[in-house]
N, C-alpha and C. Protein backbone atom coordinates (compact mmCIF):
# COMPACT_ATOMS: atom_id res chain seq x y z
N MET A 1 -27.74 8.06 14.12
CA MET A 1 -26.82 6.97 13.89
C MET A 1 -25.61 7.53 13.12
N PRO A 2 -24.46 7.69 13.76
CA PRO A 2 -23.27 8.19 13.08
C PRO A 2 -22.76 7.21 12.01
N PHE A 3 -22.50 7.76 10.85
CA PHE A 3 -22.03 6.99 9.71
C PHE A 3 -20.91 7.79 9.07
N PHE A 4 -19.72 7.19 8.95
CA PHE A 4 -18.57 7.90 8.39
C PHE A 4 -17.82 7.01 7.41
N SER A 5 -17.16 7.66 6.46
CA SER A 5 -16.26 6.91 5.58
C SER A 5 -14.92 7.64 5.55
N TYR A 6 -13.85 6.85 5.46
CA TYR A 6 -12.49 7.38 5.54
C TYR A 6 -11.59 6.71 4.52
N LEU A 7 -10.50 7.40 4.18
CA LEU A 7 -9.36 6.78 3.55
C LEU A 7 -8.39 6.52 4.70
N ALA A 8 -8.02 5.27 4.87
CA ALA A 8 -7.12 4.88 5.97
C ALA A 8 -5.73 4.64 5.40
N TYR A 9 -4.78 5.43 5.87
CA TYR A 9 -3.40 5.34 5.41
C TYR A 9 -2.58 4.54 6.42
N PRO A 10 -2.04 3.41 5.99
CA PRO A 10 -1.22 2.62 6.92
C PRO A 10 0.18 3.21 7.07
N LYS A 11 0.84 2.86 8.14
CA LYS A 11 2.26 3.19 8.25
C LYS A 11 3.00 2.41 7.17
N PRO A 12 4.15 2.87 6.74
CA PRO A 12 4.88 2.18 5.67
C PRO A 12 5.05 0.69 5.96
N GLY A 13 4.64 -0.13 4.97
CA GLY A 13 4.77 -1.58 5.09
C GLY A 13 3.74 -2.25 5.98
N ALA A 14 2.73 -1.49 6.44
CA ALA A 14 1.77 -2.05 7.40
C ALA A 14 0.35 -2.16 6.84
N LYS A 15 0.21 -2.21 5.52
CA LYS A 15 -1.14 -2.27 4.95
C LYS A 15 -1.90 -3.52 5.41
N GLN A 16 -1.27 -4.67 5.37
CA GLN A 16 -1.94 -5.90 5.78
C GLN A 16 -2.24 -5.88 7.28
N ALA A 17 -1.32 -5.37 8.07
CA ALA A 17 -1.55 -5.27 9.51
C ALA A 17 -2.73 -4.35 9.80
N LEU A 18 -2.82 -3.23 9.09
CA LEU A 18 -3.94 -2.31 9.28
C LEU A 18 -5.25 -2.97 8.86
N LEU A 19 -5.23 -3.68 7.76
CA LEU A 19 -6.42 -4.40 7.32
C LEU A 19 -6.88 -5.38 8.41
N ASN A 20 -5.94 -6.12 8.96
CA ASN A 20 -6.26 -7.07 10.04
C ASN A 20 -6.81 -6.35 11.26
N ASP A 21 -6.17 -5.25 11.64
CA ASP A 21 -6.61 -4.49 12.81
C ASP A 21 -8.02 -3.95 12.64
N LEU A 22 -8.31 -3.38 11.48
CA LEU A 22 -9.61 -2.76 11.25
C LEU A 22 -10.73 -3.80 11.15
N THR A 23 -10.42 -4.96 10.59
CA THR A 23 -11.48 -5.96 10.44
C THR A 23 -11.87 -6.59 11.77
N THR A 24 -11.05 -6.44 12.79
CA THR A 24 -11.40 -6.98 14.11
C THR A 24 -12.30 -6.04 14.91
N LEU A 25 -12.43 -4.80 14.46
CA LEU A 25 -13.23 -3.82 15.20
C LEU A 25 -14.71 -3.92 14.82
N ASP A 26 -15.57 -3.81 15.83
CA ASP A 26 -17.00 -3.75 15.59
C ASP A 26 -17.34 -2.43 14.89
N HIS A 27 -18.42 -2.43 14.14
CA HIS A 27 -18.96 -1.24 13.47
C HIS A 27 -18.10 -0.76 12.31
N CYS A 28 -17.21 -1.62 11.81
CA CYS A 28 -16.31 -1.23 10.73
C CYS A 28 -16.45 -2.16 9.53
N GLU A 29 -16.42 -1.57 8.36
CA GLU A 29 -16.38 -2.30 7.10
C GLU A 29 -15.14 -1.79 6.37
N VAL A 30 -14.27 -2.69 5.94
CA VAL A 30 -13.00 -2.29 5.33
C VAL A 30 -12.90 -2.86 3.92
N MET A 31 -12.43 -2.01 3.00
CA MET A 31 -12.19 -2.44 1.63
C MET A 31 -10.77 -2.02 1.23
N VAL A 32 -10.14 -2.84 0.41
CA VAL A 32 -8.78 -2.56 -0.04
C VAL A 32 -8.85 -1.81 -1.35
N ALA A 33 -8.14 -0.69 -1.44
CA ALA A 33 -8.03 0.02 -2.71
C ALA A 33 -7.12 -0.79 -3.64
N GLU A 34 -7.53 -0.95 -4.88
CA GLU A 34 -6.79 -1.81 -5.80
C GLU A 34 -5.47 -1.22 -6.26
N ASN A 35 -5.40 0.08 -6.42
CA ASN A 35 -4.20 0.66 -7.02
C ASN A 35 -3.43 1.58 -6.08
N GLU A 36 -3.74 1.59 -4.83
CA GLU A 36 -3.06 2.45 -3.86
C GLU A 36 -2.76 1.68 -2.58
N GLU A 37 -1.87 2.20 -1.82
CA GLU A 37 -1.54 1.60 -0.52
C GLU A 37 -2.43 2.20 0.57
N ILE A 38 -3.73 2.21 0.31
CA ILE A 38 -4.68 2.73 1.29
C ILE A 38 -5.84 1.76 1.43
N LEU A 39 -6.60 1.95 2.48
CA LEU A 39 -7.81 1.17 2.72
C LEU A 39 -8.99 2.14 2.79
N ILE A 40 -10.15 1.64 2.48
CA ILE A 40 -11.38 2.41 2.61
C ILE A 40 -12.11 1.86 3.82
N LEU A 41 -12.40 2.74 4.76
CA LEU A 41 -13.04 2.35 6.01
C LEU A 41 -14.40 3.03 6.12
N VAL A 42 -15.43 2.25 6.38
CA VAL A 42 -16.77 2.78 6.62
C VAL A 42 -17.17 2.35 8.02
N THR A 43 -17.61 3.31 8.83
CA THR A 43 -18.05 3.00 10.19
C THR A 43 -19.53 3.35 10.32
N ASP A 44 -20.23 2.57 11.11
CA ASP A 44 -21.66 2.77 11.34
C ASP A 44 -21.95 2.35 12.78
N THR A 45 -22.08 3.32 13.65
CA THR A 45 -22.30 3.04 15.07
C THR A 45 -23.73 3.40 15.46
N ALA A 46 -24.17 2.87 16.59
CA ALA A 46 -25.55 3.07 17.04
C ALA A 46 -25.81 4.48 17.56
N ASP A 47 -24.79 5.10 18.17
CA ASP A 47 -24.97 6.42 18.75
C ASP A 47 -23.61 7.09 18.93
N GLU A 48 -23.63 8.33 19.41
CA GLU A 48 -22.39 9.08 19.56
C GLU A 48 -21.45 8.45 20.60
N LYS A 49 -22.01 7.85 21.63
CA LYS A 49 -21.18 7.19 22.64
C LYS A 49 -20.36 6.07 22.01
N LYS A 50 -21.03 5.21 21.21
CA LYS A 50 -20.32 4.12 20.53
C LYS A 50 -19.30 4.67 19.53
N GLU A 51 -19.64 5.78 18.87
CA GLU A 51 -18.71 6.40 17.91
C GLU A 51 -17.46 6.88 18.62
N LYS A 52 -17.62 7.51 19.76
CA LYS A 52 -16.46 7.99 20.52
C LYS A 52 -15.59 6.82 20.98
N GLU A 53 -16.21 5.72 21.40
CA GLU A 53 -15.46 4.53 21.79
C GLU A 53 -14.67 3.98 20.61
N LEU A 54 -15.30 3.94 19.44
CA LEU A 54 -14.62 3.46 18.25
C LEU A 54 -13.47 4.37 17.88
N GLN A 55 -13.66 5.67 17.96
CA GLN A 55 -12.60 6.62 17.62
C GLN A 55 -11.37 6.42 18.53
N LYS A 56 -11.61 6.15 19.79
CA LYS A 56 -10.50 5.89 20.72
C LYS A 56 -9.73 4.64 20.30
N LYS A 57 -10.45 3.60 19.88
CA LYS A 57 -9.79 2.38 19.42
C LYS A 57 -8.99 2.63 18.14
N LEU A 58 -9.56 3.40 17.23
CA LEU A 58 -8.86 3.71 15.98
C LEU A 58 -7.57 4.49 16.27
N ASN A 59 -7.64 5.42 17.19
CA ASN A 59 -6.46 6.24 17.53
C ASN A 59 -5.33 5.42 18.14
N LYS A 60 -5.64 4.27 18.71
CA LYS A 60 -4.62 3.43 19.35
C LYS A 60 -3.96 2.44 18.40
N LEU A 61 -4.46 2.32 17.16
CA LEU A 61 -3.90 1.35 16.22
C LEU A 61 -2.48 1.74 15.81
N LYS A 62 -1.54 0.87 16.06
CA LYS A 62 -0.14 1.14 15.73
C LYS A 62 0.13 1.07 14.23
N SER A 63 -0.73 0.36 13.49
CA SER A 63 -0.55 0.21 12.05
C SER A 63 -1.11 1.40 11.26
N LEU A 64 -1.87 2.27 11.91
CA LEU A 64 -2.54 3.38 11.24
C LEU A 64 -1.69 4.63 11.27
N GLN A 65 -1.43 5.20 10.09
CA GLN A 65 -0.69 6.46 10.02
C GLN A 65 -1.67 7.63 10.15
N SER A 66 -2.76 7.60 9.35
CA SER A 66 -3.76 8.67 9.43
C SER A 66 -5.07 8.24 8.78
N LEU A 67 -6.12 8.97 9.14
CA LEU A 67 -7.45 8.77 8.55
C LEU A 67 -7.87 10.08 7.89
N GLY A 68 -8.38 9.98 6.68
CA GLY A 68 -8.93 11.15 6.00
C GLY A 68 -10.42 10.94 5.80
N MET A 69 -11.24 11.72 6.49
CA MET A 69 -12.68 11.55 6.36
C MET A 69 -13.14 12.00 4.98
N THR A 70 -13.98 11.18 4.35
CA THR A 70 -14.53 11.52 3.05
C THR A 70 -16.01 11.83 3.13
N PHE A 71 -16.68 11.34 4.18
CA PHE A 71 -18.11 11.58 4.36
C PHE A 71 -18.48 11.34 5.81
N GLY A 72 -19.38 12.15 6.33
CA GLY A 72 -19.88 11.93 7.67
C GLY A 72 -21.34 12.32 7.77
N HIS A 73 -22.12 11.55 8.53
CA HIS A 73 -23.54 11.83 8.71
C HIS A 73 -23.97 11.34 10.09
N THR A 74 -24.72 12.18 10.78
CA THR A 74 -25.34 11.79 12.04
C THR A 74 -26.83 11.99 11.89
N ASP A 75 -27.59 10.96 12.15
CA ASP A 75 -29.04 11.00 12.04
C ASP A 75 -29.60 12.02 13.02
N GLU A 76 -30.43 12.94 12.54
CA GLU A 76 -30.99 13.98 13.39
C GLU A 76 -31.88 13.41 14.50
N GLN A 77 -32.59 12.33 14.25
CA GLN A 77 -33.43 11.74 15.29
C GLN A 77 -32.57 11.23 16.43
N THR A 78 -31.42 10.67 16.12
CA THR A 78 -30.51 10.19 17.15
C THR A 78 -30.02 11.36 18.00
N LYS A 79 -29.63 12.44 17.35
CA LYS A 79 -29.16 13.62 18.08
C LYS A 79 -30.24 14.19 18.98
N ASP A 80 -31.48 14.24 18.46
CA ASP A 80 -32.59 14.77 19.26
C ASP A 80 -32.87 13.91 20.48
N ARG A 81 -32.81 12.59 20.34
CA ARG A 81 -33.05 11.68 21.47
C ARG A 81 -31.96 11.83 22.54
N GLN A 82 -30.74 12.11 22.11
CA GLN A 82 -29.65 12.25 23.09
C GLN A 82 -29.80 13.50 23.93
N LYS A 83 -30.46 14.52 23.40
CA LYS A 83 -30.65 15.77 24.14
C LYS A 83 -31.70 15.63 25.24
N GLU A 84 -32.60 14.65 25.09
CA GLU A 84 -33.69 14.48 26.06
C GLU A 84 -33.21 13.95 27.39
C-alpha cells in the first residue's frame, strides 16, 4: 500500500485553489501549514496502479507549483503480490 507525504507548494496566489483542488482528489488528505504558504499532502492508495493514476492527476493541477516528498513507504506484501 503506497503511502507518501509531501509539502505542496502552490503557484503564487493560488494556495486556496490548490487546497480546493487537492481536497477533491481521492486518496488525499490535505492540511494547511499555519505559518507558510504551503500545504501538507498525505496520500494513501491501494496499490501502485492507483498511485500512478493519482500522480498523473497531481501533475495536471494548474494551481500546483511543486511537490516535495517528505516520506514514502510501499508495503512489501503489496509489492510481492504484484509480482505474482
